[in-house]
């Protein structure tokens, strides 16, 4: 049970295997205006697609910039989560630490 659910470990986001070589990575960031979620579709270890929840928190032009900066990056859960956090702060959402 501990291994299966990784209880007691500090997890960064959630990773779901869709099929061989394709994963979804989802993480939610707490902001002053509510939760901001980012989901990345990973294929062959590269980010192929990015979608947002509560996307009204960032303007359309800044969402486009976020997507451009993330798509094509090599996937590493910790590095990508930190990069998303950095970009969200840069493009207009105040993150609660």
PDB file of N, CA and C in Angstrom:
ATOM      1  N   UNK A   1       0.829  -1.195   0.000  1.00  0.00           N
ATOM      2  CA  UNK A   1       0.000   0.000   0.000  1.00  0.00           C
ATOM      3  C   UNK A   1       0.870   1.253   0.000  1.00  0.00           C
ATOM      4  N   UNK A   2       1.910   1.279   0.841  1.00  0.00           N
ATOM      5  CA  UNK A   2       2.788   2.448   0.895  1.00  0.00           C
ATOM      6  C   UNK A   2       3.478   2.653  -0.451  1.00  0.00           C
ATOM      7  N   UNK A   3       3.971   1.585  -1.056  1.00  0.00           N
ATOM      8  CA  UNK A   3       4.650   1.699  -2.346  1.00  0.00           C
ATOM      9  C   UNK A   3       3.666   2.112  -3.435  1.00  0.00           C
ATOM     10  N   UNK A   4       2.494   1.477  -3.458  1.00  0.00           N
ATOM     11  CA  UNK A   4       1.514   1.723  -4.508  1.00  0.00           C
ATOM     12  C   UNK A   4       1.046   3.177  -4.524  1.00  0.00           C
ATOM     13  N   UNK A   5       0.775   3.725  -3.384  1.00  0.00           N
ATOM     14  CA  UNK A   5       0.245   5.088  -3.314  1.00  0.00           C
ATOM     15  C   UNK A   5       1.301   6.121  -2.931  1.00  0.00           C
ATOM     16  N   UNK A   6       2.540   5.680  -2.746  1.00  0.00           N
ATOM     17  CA  UNK A   6       3.654   6.559  -2.421  1.00  0.00           C
ATOM     18  C   UNK A   6       3.357   7.410  -1.193  1.00  0.00           C
ATOM     19  N   UNK A   7       2.665   6.818  -0.248  1.00  0.00           N
ATOM     20  CA  UNK A   7       2.347   7.549   0.987  1.00  0.00           C
ATOM     21  C   UNK A   7       3.629   7.845   1.751  1.00  0.00           C
ATOM     22  N   UNK A   8       3.671   9.032   2.321  1.00  0.00           N
ATOM     23  CA  UNK A   8       4.829   9.429   3.098  1.00  0.00           C
ATOM     24  C   UNK A   8       5.949  10.028   2.268  1.00  0.00           C
ATOM     25  N   UNK A   9       5.755  10.133   0.959  1.00  0.00           N
ATOM     26  CA  UNK A   9       6.777  10.745   0.111  1.00  0.00           C
ATOM     27  C   UNK A   9       6.246  12.073  -0.415  1.00  0.00           C
ATOM     28  N   UNK A  10       7.132  12.983  -0.674  1.00  0.00           N
ATOM     29  CA  UNK A  10       6.755  14.288  -1.196  1.00  0.00           C
ATOM     30  C   UNK A  10       6.641  14.195  -2.723  1.00  0.00           C
ATOM     31  N   UNK A  11       5.437  14.162  -3.230  1.00  0.00           N
ATOM     32  CA  UNK A  11       5.200  14.032  -4.670  1.00  0.00           C
ATOM     33  C   UNK A  11       5.029  15.402  -5.306  1.00  0.00           C
ATOM     34  N   UNK A  12       5.573  15.549  -6.496  1.00  0.00           N
ATOM     35  CA  UNK A  12       5.411  16.773  -7.269  1.00  0.00           C
ATOM     36  C   UNK A  12       4.389  16.486  -8.354  1.00  0.00           C
ATOM     37  N   UNK A  13       3.217  17.056  -8.213  1.00  0.00           N
ATOM     38  CA  UNK A  13       2.181  16.844  -9.215  1.00  0.00           C
ATOM     39  C   UNK A  13       1.734  15.395  -9.289  1.00  0.00           C
ATOM     40  N   UNK A  14       1.086  15.085 -10.379  1.00  0.00           N
ATOM     41  CA  UNK A  14       0.592  13.727 -10.606  1.00  0.00           C
ATOM     42  C   UNK A  14       0.935  13.325 -12.029  1.00  0.00           C
ATOM     43  N   UNK A  15       1.453  12.136 -12.153  1.00  0.00           N
ATOM     44  CA  UNK A  15       1.829  11.602 -13.461  1.00  0.00           C
ATOM     45  C   UNK A  15       0.980  10.366 -13.734  1.00  0.00           C
ATOM     46  N   UNK A  16       0.376  10.334 -14.912  1.00  0.00           N
ATOM     47  CA  UNK A  16      -0.481   9.206 -15.291  1.00  0.00           C
ATOM     48  C   UNK A  16       0.008   8.649 -16.614  1.00  0.00           C
ATOM     49  N   UNK A  17       0.211   7.337 -16.657  1.00  0.00           N
ATOM     50  CA  UNK A  17       0.614   6.683 -17.899  1.00  0.00           C
ATOM     51  C   UNK A  17      -0.633   6.424 -18.740  1.00  0.00           C
ATOM     52  N   UNK A  18      -0.640   6.921 -19.967  1.00  0.00           N
ATOM     53  CA  UNK A  18      -1.759   6.723 -20.880  1.00  0.00           C
ATOM     54  C   UNK A  18      -1.538   5.443 -21.671  1.00  0.00           C
ATOM     55  N   UNK A  19      -0.347   5.318 -22.220  1.00  0.00           N
ATOM     56  CA  UNK A  19       0.082   4.113 -22.925  1.00  0.00           C
ATOM     57  C   UNK A  19       1.602   4.157 -23.006  1.00  0.00           C
ATOM     58  N   UNK A  20       2.210   3.187 -23.596  1.00  0.00           N
ATOM     59  CA  UNK A  20       3.662   3.135 -23.696  1.00  0.00           C
ATOM     60  C   UNK A  20       4.212   4.423 -24.323  1.00  0.00           C
ATOM     61  N   UNK A  21       5.038   5.135 -23.568  1.00  0.00           N
ATOM     62  CA  UNK A  21       5.671   6.348 -24.080  1.00  0.00           C
ATOM     63  C   UNK A  21       4.834   7.609 -24.005  1.00  0.00           C
ATOM     64  N   UNK A  22       3.601   7.521 -23.495  1.00  0.00           N
ATOM     65  CA  UNK A  22       2.720   8.698 -23.399  1.00  0.00           C
ATOM     66  C   UNK A  22       2.230   8.838 -21.956  1.00  0.00           C
ATOM     67  N   UNK A  23       2.471  10.017 -21.385  1.00  0.00           N
ATOM     68  CA  UNK A  23       2.081  10.309 -20.016  1.00  0.00           C
ATOM     69  C   UNK A  23       1.389  11.656 -19.949  1.00  0.00           C
ATOM     70  N   UNK A  24       0.626  11.854 -18.880  1.00  0.00           N
ATOM     71  CA  UNK A  24       0.073  13.163 -18.538  1.00  0.00           C
ATOM     72  C   UNK A  24       0.691  13.569 -17.213  1.00  0.00           C
ATOM     73  N   UNK A  25       1.136  14.811 -17.136  1.00  0.00           N
ATOM     74  CA  UNK A  25       1.629  15.359 -15.885  1.00  0.00           C
ATOM     75  C   UNK A  25       0.718  16.518 -15.530  1.00  0.00           C
ATOM     76  N   UNK A  26       0.192  16.512 -14.294  1.00  0.00           N
ATOM     77  CA  UNK A  26      -0.714  17.565 -13.862  1.00  0.00           C
ATOM     78  C   UNK A  26      -0.262  18.060 -12.497  1.00  0.00           C
ATOM     79  N   UNK A  27      -0.240  19.370 -12.354  1.00  0.00           N
ATOM     80  CA  UNK A  27       0.077  19.957 -11.062  1.00  0.00           C
ATOM     81  C   UNK A  27      -0.783  21.195 -10.877  1.00  0.00           C
ATOM     82  N   UNK A  28      -1.118  21.473  -9.618  1.00  0.00           N
ATOM     83  CA  UNK A  28      -1.916  22.640  -9.277  1.00  0.00           C
ATOM     84  C   UNK A  28      -1.084  23.566  -8.410  1.00  0.00           C
ATOM     85  N   UNK A  29      -1.166  24.852  -8.712  1.00  0.00           N
ATOM     86  CA  UNK A  29      -0.400  25.859  -7.986  1.00  0.00           C
ATOM     87  C   UNK A  29      -1.376  26.781  -7.276  1.00  0.00           C
ATOM     88  N   UNK A  30      -1.139  27.019  -5.998  1.00  0.00           N
ATOM     89  CA  UNK A  30      -1.988  27.910  -5.211  1.00  0.00           C
ATOM     90  C   UNK A  30      -1.597  29.356  -5.495  1.00  0.00           C
ATOM     91  N   UNK A  31      -2.599  30.168  -5.838  1.00  0.00           N
ATOM     92  CA  UNK A  31      -2.361  31.579  -6.114  1.00  0.00           C
ATOM     93  C   UNK A  31      -3.263  32.423  -5.232  1.00  0.00           C
ATOM     94  N   UNK A  32      -3.042  33.714  -5.244  1.00  0.00           N
ATOM     95  CA  UNK A  32      -3.899  34.624  -4.483  1.00  0.00           C
ATOM     96  C   UNK A  32      -5.335  34.623  -5.003  1.00  0.00           C
ATOM     97  N   UNK A  33      -5.524  34.254  -6.275  1.00  0.00           N
ATOM     98  CA  UNK A  33      -6.852  34.279  -6.888  1.00  0.00           C
ATOM     99  C   UNK A  33      -7.497  32.900  -6.989  1.00  0.00           C
ATOM    100  N   UNK A  34      -6.856  31.877  -6.476  1.00  0.00           N
ATOM    101  CA  UNK A  34      -7.395  30.524  -6.545  1.00  0.00           C
ATOM    102  C   UNK A  34      -6.353  29.560  -7.090  1.00  0.00           C
ATOM    103  N   UNK A  35      -6.760  28.322  -7.305  1.00  0.00           N
ATOM    104  CA  UNK A  35      -5.837  27.309  -7.832  1.00  0.00           C
ATOM    105  C   UNK A  35      -5.683  27.453  -9.342  1.00  0.00           C
ATOM    106  N   UNK A  36      -4.455  27.264  -9.808  1.00  0.00           N
ATOM    107  CA  UNK A  36      -4.148  27.319 -11.230  1.00  0.00           C
ATOM    108  C   UNK A  36      -3.522  25.986 -11.603  1.00  0.00           C
ATOM    109  N   UNK A  37      -4.180  25.252 -12.480  1.00  0.00           N
ATOM    110  CA  UNK A  37      -3.701  23.929 -12.849  1.00  0.00           C
ATOM    111  C   UNK A  37      -3.069  23.908 -14.227  1.00  0.00           C
ATOM    112  N   UNK A  38      -2.012  23.118 -14.348  1.00  0.00           N
ATOM    113  CA  UNK A  38      -1.327  22.942 -15.621  1.00  0.00           C
ATOM    114  C   UNK A  38      -1.217  21.444 -15.895  1.00  0.00           C
ATOM    115  N   UNK A  39      -1.617  21.039 -17.105  1.00  0.00           N
ATOM    116  CA  UNK A  39      -1.503  19.645 -17.523  1.00  0.00           C
ATOM    117  C   UNK A  39      -0.640  19.591 -18.770  1.00  0.00           C
ATOM    118  N   UNK A  40       0.365  18.712 -18.744  1.00  0.00           N
ATOM    119  CA  UNK A  40       1.267  18.540 -19.885  1.00  0.00           C
ATOM    120  C   UNK A  40       1.104  17.137 -20.439  1.00  0.00           C
ATOM    121  N   UNK A  41       0.981  17.038 -21.745  1.00  0.00           N
ATOM    122  CA  UNK A  41       0.972  15.736 -22.415  1.00  0.00           C
ATOM    123  C   UNK A  41       2.412  15.447 -22.836  1.00  0.00           C
ATOM    124  N   UNK A  42       2.919  14.319 -22.367  1.00  0.00           N
ATOM    125  CA  UNK A  42       4.304  13.936 -22.613  1.00  0.00           C
ATOM    126  C   UNK A  42       4.320  12.766 -23.589  1.00  0.00           C
ATOM    127  N   UNK A  43       5.088  12.908 -24.657  1.00  0.00           N
ATOM    128  CA  UNK A  43       5.242  11.814 -25.612  1.00  0.00           C
ATOM    129  C   UNK A  43       6.715  11.699 -25.988  1.00  0.00           C
ATOM    130  N   UNK A  44       7.239  10.503 -25.883  1.00  0.00           N
ATOM    131  CA  UNK A  44       8.660  10.247 -26.164  1.00  0.00           C
ATOM    132  C   UNK A  44       9.550  11.181 -25.359  1.00  0.00           C
ATOM    133  N   UNK A  45       9.156  11.386 -24.096  1.00  0.00           N
ATOM    134  CA  UNK A  45       9.904  12.178 -23.124  1.00  0.00           C
ATOM    135  C   UNK A  45       9.981  13.676 -23.450  1.00  0.00           C
ATOM    136  N   UNK A  46       9.084  14.166 -24.314  1.00  0.00           N
ATOM    137  CA  UNK A  46       9.013  15.595 -24.635  1.00  0.00           C
ATOM    138  C   UNK A  46       7.593  16.105 -24.388  1.00  0.00           C
ATOM    139  N   UNK A  47       7.484  17.351 -23.952  1.00  0.00           N
ATOM    140  CA  UNK A  47       6.160  17.956 -23.770  1.00  0.00           C
ATOM    141  C   UNK A  47       5.597  18.292 -25.142  1.00  0.00           C
ATOM    142  N   UNK A  48       4.419  17.721 -25.446  1.00  0.00           N
ATOM    143  CA  UNK A  48       3.779  17.917 -26.752  1.00  0.00           C
ATOM    144  C   UNK A  48       2.599  18.878 -26.698  1.00  0.00           C
ATOM    145  N   UNK A  49       1.914  18.926 -25.541  1.00  0.00           N
ATOM    146  CA  UNK A  49       0.711  19.749 -25.431  1.00  0.00           C
ATOM    147  C   UNK A  49       0.573  20.227 -23.988  1.00  0.00           C
ATOM    148  N   UNK A  50       0.065  21.460 -23.829  1.00  0.00           N
ATOM    149  CA  UNK A  50      -0.134  22.041 -22.497  1.00  0.00           C
ATOM    150  C   UNK A  50      -1.542  22.608 -22.420  1.00  0.00           C
ATOM    151  N   UNK A  51      -2.257  22.287 -21.347  1.00  0.00           N
ATOM    152  CA  UNK A  51      -3.576  22.859 -21.106  1.00  0.00           C
ATOM    153  C   UNK A  51      -3.629  23.401 -19.676  1.00  0.00           C
ATOM    154  N   UNK A  52      -4.582  24.289 -19.435  1.00  0.00           N
ATOM    155  CA  UNK A  52      -4.688  24.959 -18.147  1.00  0.00           C
ATOM    156  C   UNK A  52      -6.091  24.819 -17.583  1.00  0.00           C
ATOM    157  N   UNK A  53      -6.190  24.828 -16.234  1.00  0.00           N
ATOM    158  CA  UNK A  53      -7.481  24.953 -15.562  1.00  0.00           C
ATOM    159  C   UNK A  53      -7.479  26.289 -14.844  1.00  0.00           C
ATOM    160  N   UNK A  54      -8.638  26.868 -14.689  1.00  0.00           N
ATOM    161  CA  UNK A  54      -8.776  28.229 -14.150  1.00  0.00           C
ATOM    162  C   UNK A  54      -7.912  29.187 -14.960  1.00  0.00           C
ATOM    163  N   UNK A  55      -7.974  29.025 -16.270  1.00  0.00           N
ATOM    164  CA  UNK A  55      -7.090  29.793 -17.147  1.00  0.00           C
ATOM    165  C   UNK A  55      -7.470  31.262 -17.256  1.00  0.00           C
ATOM    166  N   UNK A  56      -8.552  31.667 -16.631  1.00  0.00           N
ATOM    167  CA  UNK A  56      -8.920  33.077 -16.625  1.00  0.00           C
ATOM    168  C   UNK A  56      -7.936  33.905 -15.780  1.00  0.00           C
ATOM    169  N   UNK A  57      -7.106  33.215 -14.979  1.00  0.00           N
ATOM    170  CA  UNK A  57      -6.152  33.917 -14.125  1.00  0.00           C
ATOM    171  C   UNK A  57      -5.001  34.542 -14.917  1.00  0.00           C
ATOM    172  N   UNK A  58      -4.772  34.047 -16.135  1.00  0.00           N
ATOM    173  CA  UNK A  58      -3.695  34.568 -16.977  1.00  0.00           C
ATOM    174  C   UNK A  58      -4.292  34.944 -18.326  1.00  0.00           C
ATOM    175  N   UNK A  59      -3.832  36.045 -18.893  1.00  0.00           N
ATOM    176  CA  UNK A  59      -4.341  36.512 -20.184  1.00  0.00           C
ATOM    177  C   UNK A  59      -4.033  35.509 -21.297  1.00  0.00           C
ATOM    178  N   UNK A  60      -4.794  35.596 -22.382  1.00  0.00           N
ATOM    179  CA  UNK A  60      -4.582  34.688 -23.514  1.00  0.00           C
ATOM    180  C   UNK A  60      -3.178  34.802 -24.097  1.00  0.00           C
ATOM    181  N   UNK A  61      -2.669  36.012 -24.198  1.00  0.00           N
ATOM    182  CA  UNK A  61      -1.323  36.190 -24.758  1.00  0.00           C
ATOM    183  C   UNK A  61      -0.261  35.565 -23.849  1.00  0.00           C
ATOM    184  N   UNK A  62      -0.453  35.665 -22.530  1.00  0.00           N
ATOM    185  CA  UNK A  62       0.505  35.059 -21.614  1.00  0.00           C
ATOM    186  C   UNK A  62       0.380  33.539 -21.571  1.00  0.00           C
ATOM    187  N   UNK A  63      -0.840  33.014 -21.758  1.00  0.00           N
ATOM    188  CA  UNK A  63      -1.005  31.555 -21.866  1.00  0.00           C
ATOM    189  C   UNK A  63      -0.262  31.044 -23.092  1.00  0.00           C
ATOM    190  N   UNK A  64      -0.349  31.786 -24.169  1.00  0.00           N
ATOM    191  CA  UNK A  64       0.353  31.404 -25.391  1.00  0.00           C
ATOM    192  C   UNK A  64       1.866  31.376 -25.149  1.00  0.00           C
ATOM    193  N   UNK A  65       2.372  32.387 -24.434  1.00  0.00           N
ATOM    194  CA  UNK A  65       3.798  32.428 -24.113  1.00  0.00           C
ATOM    195  C   UNK A  65       4.204  31.245 -23.241  1.00  0.00           C
ATOM    196  N   UNK A  66       3.359  30.930 -22.253  1.00  0.00           N
ATOM    197  CA  UNK A  66       3.624  29.774 -21.392  1.00  0.00           C
ATOM    198  C   UNK A  66       3.738  28.493 -22.221  1.00  0.00           C
ATOM    199  N   UNK A  67       2.776  28.296 -23.105  1.00  0.00           N
ATOM    200  CA  UNK A  67       2.788  27.102 -23.949  1.00  0.00           C
ATOM    201  C   UNK A  67       4.038  27.043 -24.810  1.00  0.00           C
ATOM    202  N   UNK A  68       4.394  28.168 -25.422  1.00  0.00           N
ATOM    203  CA  UNK A  68       5.579  28.211 -26.284  1.00  0.00           C
ATOM    204  C   UNK A  68       6.849  27.854 -25.522  1.00  0.00           C
ATOM    205  N   UNK A  69       6.943  28.303 -24.275  1.00  0.00           N
ATOM    206  CA  UNK A  69       8.133  28.033 -23.461  1.00  0.00           C
ATOM    207  C   UNK A  69       8.206  26.581 -23.001  1.00  0.00           C
ATOM    208  N   UNK A  70       7.039  25.923 -22.858  1.00  0.00           N
ATOM    209  CA  UNK A  70       7.014  24.560 -22.329  1.00  0.00           C
ATOM    210  C   UNK A  70       7.043  23.476 -23.406  1.00  0.00           C
ATOM    211  N   UNK A  71       6.336  23.690 -24.508  1.00  0.00           N
ATOM    212  CA  UNK A  71       6.252  22.664 -25.548  1.00  0.00           C
ATOM    213  C   UNK A  71       7.627  22.424 -26.153  1.00  0.00           C
ATOM    214  N   UNK A  72       7.998  21.168 -26.201  1.00  0.00           N
ATOM    215  CA  UNK A  72       9.289  20.774 -26.762  1.00  0.00           C
ATOM    216  C   UNK A  72      10.364  20.523 -25.712  1.00  0.00           C
ATOM    217  N   UNK A  73      10.096  20.925 -24.448  1.00  0.00           N
ATOM    218  CA  UNK A  73      11.076  20.687 -23.402  1.00  0.00           C
ATOM    219  C   UNK A  73      11.149  19.202 -23.061  1.00  0.00           C
ATOM    220  N   UNK A  74      12.339  18.753 -22.700  1.00  0.00           N
ATOM    221  CA  UNK A  74      12.519  17.381 -22.240  1.00  0.00           C
ATOM    222  C   UNK A  74      11.820  17.248 -20.895  1.00  0.00           C
ATOM    223  N   UNK A  75      11.122  16.147 -20.705  1.00  0.00           N
ATOM    224  CA  UNK A  75      10.329  15.961 -19.502  1.00  0.00           C
ATOM    225  C   UNK A  75      11.148  15.411 -18.345  1.00  0.00           C
ATOM    226  N   UNK A  76      11.118  16.135 -17.253  1.00  0.00           N
ATOM    227  CA  UNK A  76      11.630  15.714 -15.959  1.00  0.00           C
ATOM    228  C   UNK A  76      10.686  16.355 -14.955  1.00  0.00           C
ATOM    229  N   UNK A  77       9.998  15.541 -14.183  1.00  0.00           N
ATOM    230  CA  UNK A  77       8.926  16.015 -13.314  1.00  0.00           C
ATOM    231  C   UNK A  77       9.332  17.218 -12.460  1.00  0.00           C
ATOM    232  N   UNK A  78      10.452  17.145 -11.783  1.00  0.00           N
ATOM    233  CA  UNK A  78      10.875  18.222 -10.888  1.00  0.00           C
ATOM    234  C   UNK A  78      11.273  19.472 -11.671  1.00  0.00           C
ATOM    235  N   UNK A  79      12.057  19.298 -12.728  1.00  0.00           N
ATOM    236  CA  UNK A  79      12.504  20.439 -13.524  1.00  0.00           C
ATOM    237  C   UNK A  79      11.319  21.134 -14.181  1.00  0.00           C
ATOM    238  N   UNK A  80      10.396  20.362 -14.753  1.00  0.00           N
ATOM    239  CA  UNK A  80       9.221  20.941 -15.419  1.00  0.00           C
ATOM    240  C   UNK A  80       8.341  21.674 -14.409  1.00  0.00           C
ATOM    241  N   UNK A  81       8.128  21.096 -13.239  1.00  0.00           N
ATOM    242  CA  UNK A  81       7.305  21.762 -12.233  1.00  0.00           C
ATOM    243  C   UNK A  81       7.924  23.088 -11.819  1.00  0.00           C
ATOM    244  N   UNK A  82       9.233  23.113 -11.622  1.00  0.00           N
ATOM    245  CA  UNK A  82       9.913  24.369 -11.270  1.00  0.00           C
ATOM    246  C   UNK A  82       9.833  25.380 -12.410  1.00  0.00           C
ATOM    247  N   UNK A  83       9.978  24.917 -13.651  1.00  0.00           N
ATOM    248  CA  UNK A  83       9.895  25.795 -14.820  1.00  0.00           C
ATOM    249  C   UNK A  83       8.491  26.397 -14.940  1.00  0.00           C
ATOM    250  N   UNK A  84       7.466  25.575 -14.754  1.00  0.00           N
ATOM    251  CA  UNK A  84       6.078  26.062 -14.798  1.00  0.00           C
ATOM    252  C   UNK A  84       5.877  27.123 -13.726  1.00  0.00           C
ATOM    253  N   UNK A  85       6.344  26.850 -12.524  1.00  0.00           N
ATOM    254  CA  UNK A  85       6.210  27.801 -11.421  1.00  0.00           C
ATOM    255  C   UNK A  85       6.890  29.122 -11.763  1.00  0.00           C
ATOM    256  N   UNK A  86       8.086  29.057 -12.296  1.00  0.00           N
ATOM    257  CA  UNK A  86       8.834  30.250 -12.703  1.00  0.00           C
ATOM    258  C   UNK A  86       8.083  31.046 -13.769  1.00  0.00           C
ATOM    259  N   UNK A  87       7.549  30.344 -14.773  1.00  0.00           N
ATOM    260  CA  UNK A  87       6.845  31.019 -15.863  1.00  0.00           C
ATOM    261  C   UNK A  87       5.513  31.611 -15.410  1.00  0.00           C
ATOM    262  N   UNK A  88       4.805  30.893 -14.545  1.00  0.00           N
ATOM    263  CA  UNK A  88       3.535  31.413 -14.039  1.00  0.00           C
ATOM    264  C   UNK A  88       3.783  32.705 -13.272  1.00  0.00           C
ATOM    265  N   UNK A  89       4.813  32.720 -12.436  1.00  0.00           N
ATOM    266  CA  UNK A  89       5.141  33.947 -11.696  1.00  0.00           C
ATOM    267  C   UNK A  89       5.492  35.077 -12.659  1.00  0.00           C
ATOM    268  N   UNK A  90       6.245  34.747 -13.699  1.00  0.00           N
ATOM    269  CA  UNK A  90       6.677  35.752 -14.674  1.00  0.00           C
ATOM    270  C   UNK A  90       5.504  36.331 -15.453  1.00  0.00           C
ATOM    271  N   UNK A  91       4.521  35.487 -15.810  1.00  0.00           N
ATOM    272  CA  UNK A  91       3.441  35.930 -16.694  1.00  0.00           C
ATOM    273  C   UNK A  91       2.137  36.279 -15.984  1.00  0.00           C
ATOM    274  N   UNK A  92       2.197  36.548 -14.681  1.00  0.00           N
ATOM    275  CA  UNK A  92       1.059  37.231 -14.121  1.00  0.00           C
ATOM    276  C   UNK A  92       0.240  36.627 -13.015  1.00  0.00           C
ATOM    277  N   UNK A  93       0.647  35.526 -12.404  1.00  0.00           N
ATOM    278  CA  UNK A  93      -0.116  34.987 -11.298  1.00  0.00           C
ATOM    279  C   UNK A  93       0.788  34.982 -10.083  1.00  0.00           C
ATOM    280  N   UNK A  94       0.266  35.479  -8.958  1.00  0.00           N
ATOM    281  CA  UNK A  94       1.053  35.498  -7.733  1.00  0.00           C
ATOM    282  C   UNK A  94       0.868  34.175  -7.018  1.00  0.00           C
ATOM    283  N   UNK A  95       1.977  33.456  -6.862  1.00  0.00           N
ATOM    284  CA  UNK A  95       1.954  32.138  -6.231  1.00  0.00           C
ATOM    285  C   UNK A  95       2.098  32.279  -4.719  1.00  0.00           C
ATOM    286  N   UNK A  96       1.307  31.531  -3.995  1.00  0.00           N
ATOM    287  CA  UNK A  96       1.407  31.505  -2.532  1.00  0.00           C
ATOM    288  C   UNK A  96       2.439  30.452  -2.179  1.00  0.00           C
ATOM    289  N   UNK A  97       3.484  30.829  -1.457  1.00  0.00           N
ATOM    290  CA  UNK A  97       4.524  29.878  -1.057  1.00  0.00           C
ATOM    291  C   UNK A  97       4.140  29.116   0.181  1.00  0.00           C
TER     292      UNK A  97
END
